[in-house]
Structures are given as structure tokens and as C-alpha cells.
Amino acid sequence: MKYTTLFVIVSLCTGLASCASVELATLPDKSPEALKTAHLVLKDEAYGPDTEQKFDIYISNNLNELKNNNFTIIFLHGGGYYLSDKSSETQYIEPYLKKGMNVVNVNYRLKRGIPAATEDLTRVLHFLKAHNDKYHLNLNKIVLTGFSAGGHISSNVGAGANNDNYPFPLGKGFKIVAVINFSGPVAGLALVEKGFIDHEMPLYKEVGNALFPSISAYTPNDTLVKYEPITYFDQKDPAFFLWHGGKDNQIPPATFVEFVARLNENQQKNTVVFVPDGSHAPTKKELAAAYARIFVFLDKLKYIK
């Protein structure tokens, strides 16, 4: 019955200007030459008083091509909340730019812990709303996405947005329609933190101890669960796309199991990509395959209620 309804919707919209549609999965990527003029690029836009609270924004000059798939992509880099920068993981935003989409590439406060970094994404959303007369983004179709720590932040905010118990509540005036998470923790933070703190490499220990810097040694569970997306997950959440590898040496694959089971309860809405031999970061080939599925995932959102 679901497939019949979907067919009717697609058929009715065929050829009608009011139902103008474009499929991201089949929309050709822009050539390198076309990319040079595809966006107005504003670098290091400050969204808060801290020097690390900045983002780069790519404002599309070709939104008419996207029609109903005019998403606003907000990306956060990885680095264990301790290192890295918005300029270091551009491979995660390039596929969106090649489609001519609006992209916000975010820096957040490092070495200040998970709560501060998570609050920064909420601050970004409020800032974009307050200054949208400058950016002209579609804030009713926001996609939060990130790698590792960035995927964790995106998942926390995406799942927590409709929950009164979430530490950093969102106001009105925008809608998060999807979360795309590459290898970001979704549950089992105690196991993740312990793996870093107990690691033989000094840098890993520093990362582990800085996840909640105001707490010495291991963080109490009642604090950890406040920053686990699974705590807030429900069927009213945005659609989720989750990529993770079976040989991830930073985020134990076992910590994804329960969250994946919940996502798979609605496979029309959510997409899980598990790569058995995948490590923490996808290879170039794995990333290309993931984005082919991401654009199919985004195309489906217009049919999901």
C-alpha cells in the first residue's frame, strides 16, 4: 500500500510546475570550472565571542536547480573534541558543494569538553536564524552532519531537539529534517571514554580526559547519558543516516548495536551503512559509495511524514 501511494504521488507530480522536483542522486556534479562561481563563500563568520566559534558558509548561486531539495547542510569536523579544524575535512562537504547546495562548515570550541562543543551547534542554529536576512538559507530543511565528534554533536542535537530534558534546547524558526553521522558515538560513552583514558598513547589519554574536563578520571554515568543520542531517540526525530565500520579502533562497534536496531525499525526513514572491514574514517572509495546512498536518502525525505 505504501508503494502504491508513493507511485501516485510521483505520477501526479510529473509535468506539473507546482510539483517541480529534482533528484539529487541523478543531478550531475558541477564541473571544476562551474564550481568556481557556484557559491558565494564567506570565511570565518563569527557566531560567538570565542575565537574558535566561527564557520565558513557557502551560499549557493544555483538554488533554482535544486527546487524541493534545497537543504541547508551544517557540517562539524571530528578530532575527539580536542583537535582538527573545519579546513581539514572538506572531503565531507565537497559532494554537497558539487550539487550546488548551501553548506555551513563549523568550528567549535576544542579542549573544553563535549558539553561546550555541543552547545556551540545550538548557538550556530540560533545565529543563522537571527542573521538569515544576510544568508538567505532554507531553515526549514536543515541537515546536521559530521564525522566522529562532529557526528556525535549532530546526533545529539538532532535527537535532542524535540526533548524537554535535552541540556541545550532549541527555539523555534527552523526544522532539522535529517542527521548524517559518520562514526560519531551514539551510545556507550563510558566505553568510549575509558578506551581513550586507558590508551597507551599519551594523546589518546589527553583526549579521554578532556571529554569532560571538569571531572577527573571517569565521568559518572548520569552525566554521560545526557550526551548520548540514544537517550533522546524517538520516532519523531529527524531521519538518520549512520555510517560506521566494524574495525573502528576509536568508537567500539558494539556501542552502535542498540541504536542501529532502533533506526532499523523504520528503514524507509533511516539508513544504516555498516562496513564490516571499515575503520574509524571511511576510505575514499567508501566515502564515495556512502554519498551515493546519502543523496538517495535525502531524495526520500520529501515522501516521509
Protein backbone atom coordinates (compact mmCIF):
# COMPACT_ATOMS: atom_id res chain seq x y z
CA MET A 1 0.00 0.00 0.00
CA LYS A 2 2.87 2.36 0.82
CA TYR A 3 4.45 1.79 -2.59
CA THR A 4 1.12 2.40 -4.37
CA THR A 5 0.74 5.74 -2.56
CA LEU A 6 4.27 6.73 -3.44
CA PHE A 7 3.68 5.87 -7.10
CA VAL A 8 0.53 8.00 -7.18
CA ILE A 9 2.36 10.99 -5.67
CA VAL A 10 5.16 10.73 -8.19
CA SER A 11 2.72 10.29 -11.08
CA LEU A 12 0.59 13.27 -10.10
CA CYS A 13 3.65 15.49 -9.88
CA THR A 14 5.03 14.51 -13.27
CA GLY A 15 5.00 17.53 -15.53
CA LEU A 16 3.33 19.85 -13.03
CA ALA A 17 5.20 23.06 -12.22
CA SER A 18 3.70 23.12 -8.71
CA CYS A 19 5.31 19.75 -8.00
CA ALA A 20 8.65 20.68 -9.54
CA SER A 21 11.16 18.11 -8.41
CA VAL A 22 14.78 17.26 -8.82
CA GLU A 23 16.57 14.12 -7.67
CA LEU A 24 19.92 14.75 -6.02
CA ALA A 25 21.01 11.20 -6.78
CA THR A 26 20.85 11.86 -10.53
CA LEU A 27 21.69 15.57 -10.56
CA PRO A 28 25.11 15.87 -12.28
CA ASP A 29 28.01 17.19 -10.24
CA LYS A 30 29.24 20.62 -11.22
CA SER A 31 32.44 20.74 -13.20
CA PRO A 32 35.56 22.22 -11.55
CA GLU A 33 35.07 25.32 -13.68
CA ALA A 34 31.40 25.70 -12.73
CA LEU A 35 32.26 25.22 -9.06
CA LYS A 36 34.33 28.39 -9.07
CA THR A 37 31.19 30.51 -9.39
CA ALA A 38 28.62 28.18 -7.82
CA HIS A 39 28.76 29.76 -4.36
CA LEU A 40 29.32 32.99 -2.52
CA VAL A 41 31.89 31.95 0.08
CA LEU A 42 32.17 33.78 3.41
CA LYS A 43 35.06 32.64 5.60
CA ASP A 44 35.37 32.75 9.39
CA GLU A 45 31.96 34.16 10.20
CA ALA A 46 31.88 34.63 13.98
CA TYR A 47 28.83 33.13 15.70
CA GLY A 48 30.04 33.66 19.27
CA PRO A 49 32.64 35.57 21.31
CA ASP A 50 35.25 32.78 21.45
CA THR A 51 37.90 32.83 18.72
CA GLU A 52 37.04 29.23 17.81
CA GLN A 53 33.34 29.97 17.33
CA LYS A 54 33.49 30.55 13.59
CA PHE A 55 32.13 28.96 10.45
CA ASP A 56 32.65 29.12 6.71
CA ILE A 57 29.45 29.42 4.69
CA TYR A 58 28.93 28.50 1.05
CA ILE A 59 25.81 30.25 -0.25
CA SER A 60 24.57 28.69 -3.46
CA ASN A 61 24.06 30.74 -6.61
CA ASN A 62 22.10 27.89 -8.21
CA LEU A 63 19.23 27.11 -5.83
CA ASN A 64 16.72 27.13 -8.69
CA GLU A 65 18.32 23.86 -9.86
CA LEU A 66 17.59 22.17 -6.51
CA LYS A 67 13.89 23.05 -6.29
CA ASN A 68 12.35 20.94 -3.48
CA ASN A 69 15.77 19.61 -2.39
CA ASN A 70 17.00 22.98 -1.18
CA PHE A 71 18.61 21.68 2.02
CA THR A 72 20.92 23.63 4.31
CA ILE A 73 23.87 21.38 5.20
CA ILE A 74 25.63 22.08 8.51
CA PHE A 75 28.86 20.09 8.94
CA LEU A 76 31.08 19.62 12.02
CA HIS A 77 34.56 18.12 11.88
CA GLY A 78 35.98 15.33 14.05
CA GLY A 79 39.04 15.28 16.27
CA GLY A 80 37.86 13.95 19.62
CA TYR A 81 36.72 17.41 20.76
CA TYR A 82 40.43 18.08 21.12
CA LEU A 83 41.97 18.91 17.73
CA SER A 84 41.31 19.38 13.99
CA ASP A 85 39.59 22.24 12.17
CA LYS A 86 36.89 22.98 9.60
CA SER A 87 39.53 23.20 6.88
CA SER A 88 40.84 19.67 7.47
CA GLU A 89 37.82 17.55 6.45
CA THR A 90 36.46 19.24 3.35
CA GLN A 91 36.01 15.84 1.67
CA TYR A 92 32.78 15.60 3.67
CA ILE A 93 31.31 18.82 2.27
CA GLU A 94 32.60 18.65 -1.30
CA PRO A 95 29.82 16.29 -2.53
CA TYR A 96 27.18 18.80 -1.39
CA LEU A 97 29.01 21.72 -2.98
CA LYS A 98 29.20 19.82 -6.27
CA LYS A 99 25.40 19.59 -6.22
CA GLY A 100 25.18 23.37 -5.67
CA MET A 101 23.82 23.13 -2.13
CA ASN A 102 24.12 25.60 0.76
CA VAL A 103 26.78 24.44 3.24
CA VAL A 104 27.86 25.74 6.65
CA ASN A 105 31.23 24.31 7.77
CA VAL A 106 31.57 24.80 11.52
CA ASN A 107 34.39 25.16 14.02
CA TYR A 108 33.51 24.66 17.68
CA ARG A 109 35.38 25.11 20.96
CA LEU A 110 38.09 22.49 21.44
CA LYS A 111 39.53 21.12 24.69
CA ARG A 112 36.52 22.47 26.53
CA GLY A 113 34.67 19.14 26.50
CA ILE A 114 31.58 17.60 24.95
CA PRO A 115 29.03 19.96 26.59
CA ALA A 116 30.70 23.14 25.28
CA ALA A 117 31.11 21.77 21.76
CA THR A 118 27.52 20.53 21.70
CA GLU A 119 26.22 23.88 22.90
CA ASP A 120 28.10 25.51 20.03
CA LEU A 121 25.96 23.78 17.42
CA THR A 122 22.84 25.09 19.14
CA ARG A 123 24.43 28.53 19.10
CA VAL A 124 25.13 28.19 15.35
CA LEU A 125 21.49 27.39 14.64
CA HIS A 126 20.25 30.37 16.64
CA PHE A 127 22.82 32.62 14.96
CA LEU A 128 21.79 31.54 11.47
CA LYS A 129 18.16 32.26 12.30
CA ALA A 130 18.97 35.70 13.72
CA HIS A 131 21.04 36.66 10.66
CA ASN A 132 19.14 34.92 7.88
CA ASP A 133 18.45 38.25 6.22
CA LYS A 134 22.16 38.06 5.32
CA TYR A 135 22.46 34.35 4.45
CA HIS A 136 19.01 33.55 2.97
CA LEU A 137 19.13 29.86 3.95
CA ASN A 138 16.23 27.43 3.98
CA LEU A 139 15.97 26.87 7.74
CA ASN A 140 13.03 24.50 7.32
CA LYS A 141 15.26 21.88 5.70
CA ILE A 142 18.36 21.65 7.88
CA VAL A 143 20.65 18.64 7.66
CA LEU A 144 23.10 18.24 10.54
CA THR A 145 26.14 16.17 9.69
CA GLY A 146 29.62 15.41 10.92
CA PHE A 147 32.47 12.96 11.27
CA SER A 148 33.40 11.34 14.59
CA ALA A 149 32.99 14.03 17.30
CA GLY A 150 31.10 16.12 14.74
CA GLY A 151 28.76 13.23 14.04
CA HIS A 152 28.20 12.84 17.78
CA ILE A 153 27.33 16.53 18.17
CA SER A 154 24.99 16.43 15.17
CA SER A 155 23.23 13.33 16.51
CA ASN A 156 22.88 14.80 20.00
CA VAL A 157 21.28 17.99 18.72
CA GLY A 158 19.17 16.22 16.11
CA ALA A 159 17.76 13.67 18.56
CA GLY A 160 17.51 16.10 21.47
CA ALA A 161 15.80 18.96 19.65
CA ASN A 162 12.30 17.71 20.47
CA ASN A 163 13.08 16.59 24.04
CA ASP A 164 12.47 18.84 27.06
CA ASN A 165 15.28 17.14 29.01
CA TYR A 166 17.97 17.99 26.48
CA PRO A 167 20.60 20.34 28.02
CA PHE A 168 20.59 22.91 25.19
CA PRO A 169 17.01 23.34 23.94
CA LEU A 170 16.36 24.80 20.52
CA GLY A 171 13.95 27.61 19.88
CA LYS A 172 11.52 27.84 17.00
CA GLY A 173 12.06 29.07 13.47
CA PHE A 174 13.93 26.16 11.95
CA LYS A 175 13.49 22.45 11.34
CA ILE A 176 16.10 19.70 11.38
CA VAL A 177 14.97 17.15 8.80
CA ALA A 178 17.98 14.80 8.83
CA VAL A 179 21.17 13.82 10.63
CA ILE A 180 24.10 12.26 8.76
CA ASN A 181 26.63 10.72 11.12
CA PHE A 182 29.99 9.25 10.12
CA SER A 183 31.43 7.21 13.02
CA GLY A 184 30.14 9.52 15.75
CA PRO A 185 29.24 7.98 19.14
CA VAL A 186 25.53 7.34 19.64
CA ALA A 187 25.65 5.33 22.89
CA GLY A 188 28.15 3.73 25.28
CA LEU A 189 30.11 6.89 26.08
CA ALA A 190 31.51 5.23 29.18
CA LEU A 191 33.19 2.62 26.99
CA VAL A 192 34.41 5.27 24.55
CA GLU A 193 35.85 7.46 27.32
CA LYS A 194 37.53 4.51 29.05
CA GLY A 195 39.10 3.40 25.78
CA PHE A 196 40.76 6.78 25.39
CA ILE A 197 41.77 7.33 29.02
CA ASP A 198 43.28 3.84 29.31
CA HIS A 199 45.06 4.03 25.96
CA GLU A 200 48.85 3.64 25.91
CA MET A 201 49.33 6.66 23.67
CA PRO A 202 49.57 9.99 25.58
CA LEU A 203 47.48 11.90 23.01
CA TYR A 204 44.60 9.46 23.38
CA LYS A 205 44.76 9.82 27.15
CA GLU A 206 44.62 13.61 26.79
CA VAL A 207 41.57 13.31 24.54
CA GLY A 208 39.83 11.00 27.00
CA ASN A 209 40.48 13.27 29.97
CA ALA A 210 39.28 16.31 28.03
CA LEU A 211 35.86 14.90 27.09
CA PHE A 212 34.55 16.22 30.40
CA PRO A 213 37.49 18.32 31.65
CA SER A 214 35.84 19.41 34.89
CA ILE A 215 35.62 15.77 36.00
CA SER A 216 38.73 13.82 36.99
CA ALA A 217 39.12 10.24 35.74
CA TYR A 218 35.92 8.53 34.58
CA THR A 219 32.73 10.57 34.17
CA PRO A 220 29.67 9.44 36.19
CA ASN A 221 27.03 7.71 34.10
CA ASP A 222 24.30 10.20 34.98
CA THR A 223 26.39 12.87 33.21
CA LEU A 224 27.35 10.69 30.26
CA VAL A 225 23.78 9.74 29.35
CA LYS A 226 22.91 13.42 28.89
CA TYR A 227 25.23 13.40 25.85
CA GLU A 228 24.23 10.08 24.31
CA PRO A 229 21.88 10.44 21.32
CA ILE A 230 20.19 7.17 22.23
CA THR A 231 18.88 8.85 25.41
CA TYR A 232 16.71 11.17 23.33
CA PHE A 233 15.92 9.00 20.34
CA ASP A 234 12.26 8.59 19.37
CA GLN A 235 10.22 8.16 16.21
CA LYS A 236 9.60 11.92 15.96
CA ASP A 237 13.30 12.58 15.43
CA PRO A 238 14.76 13.64 12.08
CA ALA A 239 15.68 10.90 9.62
CA PHE A 240 19.08 9.37 10.43
CA PHE A 241 21.85 8.22 8.12
CA LEU A 242 24.55 6.38 10.07
CA TRP A 243 27.85 5.10 8.69
CA HIS A 244 30.19 3.03 10.85
CA GLY A 245 32.93 0.46 10.44
CA GLY A 246 33.34 -2.94 12.01
CA LYS A 247 37.04 -2.36 12.70
CA ASP A 248 36.75 1.08 14.25
CA ASN A 249 39.59 1.36 16.79
CA GLN A 250 38.23 4.52 18.44
CA ILE A 251 34.47 4.07 18.79
CA PRO A 252 33.76 0.40 19.66
CA PRO A 253 31.37 -1.12 17.08
CA ALA A 254 29.40 -2.68 19.95
CA THR A 255 28.27 0.79 21.05
CA PHE A 256 26.26 1.17 17.82
CA VAL A 257 24.22 -2.03 18.10
CA GLU A 258 21.20 -0.83 20.08
CA PHE A 259 20.93 2.48 18.22
CA VAL A 260 21.13 0.71 14.86
CA ALA A 261 18.34 -1.65 15.93
CA ARG A 262 16.14 1.35 16.68
CA LEU A 263 16.96 3.00 13.37
CA ASN A 264 16.16 -0.20 11.52
CA GLU A 265 12.65 -0.21 12.92
CA ASN A 266 11.90 2.34 10.19
CA GLN A 267 14.11 1.58 7.22
CA GLN A 268 12.04 3.75 4.89
CA LYS A 269 13.02 6.74 7.02
CA ASN A 270 16.51 5.82 8.29
CA THR A 271 19.57 4.39 6.55
CA VAL A 272 22.41 2.46 8.20
CA VAL A 273 25.62 1.69 6.34
CA PHE A 274 27.80 -0.81 8.17
CA VAL A 275 31.15 -1.65 6.59
CA PRO A 276 32.48 -4.83 8.28
CA ASP A 277 36.09 -4.10 7.33
CA GLY A 278 35.72 -0.34 7.74
CA SER A 279 37.88 1.58 10.18
CA HIS A 280 37.05 4.81 12.01
CA ALA A 281 37.32 7.02 8.91
CA PRO A 282 35.95 5.83 5.58
CA THR A 283 38.36 5.36 2.71
CA LYS A 284 37.95 7.46 -0.43
CA LYS A 285 36.07 4.59 -2.09
CA GLU A 286 33.86 4.01 0.96
CA LEU A 287 33.11 7.73 1.15
CA ALA A 288 32.06 7.87 -2.50
CA ALA A 289 29.77 4.88 -2.00
CA ALA A 290 28.31 6.48 1.13
CA TYR A 291 27.47 9.73 -0.66
CA ALA A 292 25.74 7.87 -3.46
CA ARG A 293 23.43 6.47 -0.76
CA ILE A 294 23.20 9.80 1.09
CA PHE A 295 21.68 11.54 -1.93
CA VAL A 296 19.14 8.73 -2.31
CA PHE A 297 18.41 9.12 1.42
CA LEU A 298 17.87 12.87 1.03
CA ASP A 299 15.69 12.38 -2.02
CA LYS A 300 13.36 10.20 0.04
CA LEU A 301 12.73 12.87 2.67
CA LYS A 302 10.03 14.60 0.64
CA TYR A 303 7.90 11.45 0.91
CA ILE A 304 8.35 10.97 4.66
CA LYS A 305 5.81 12.45 7.03
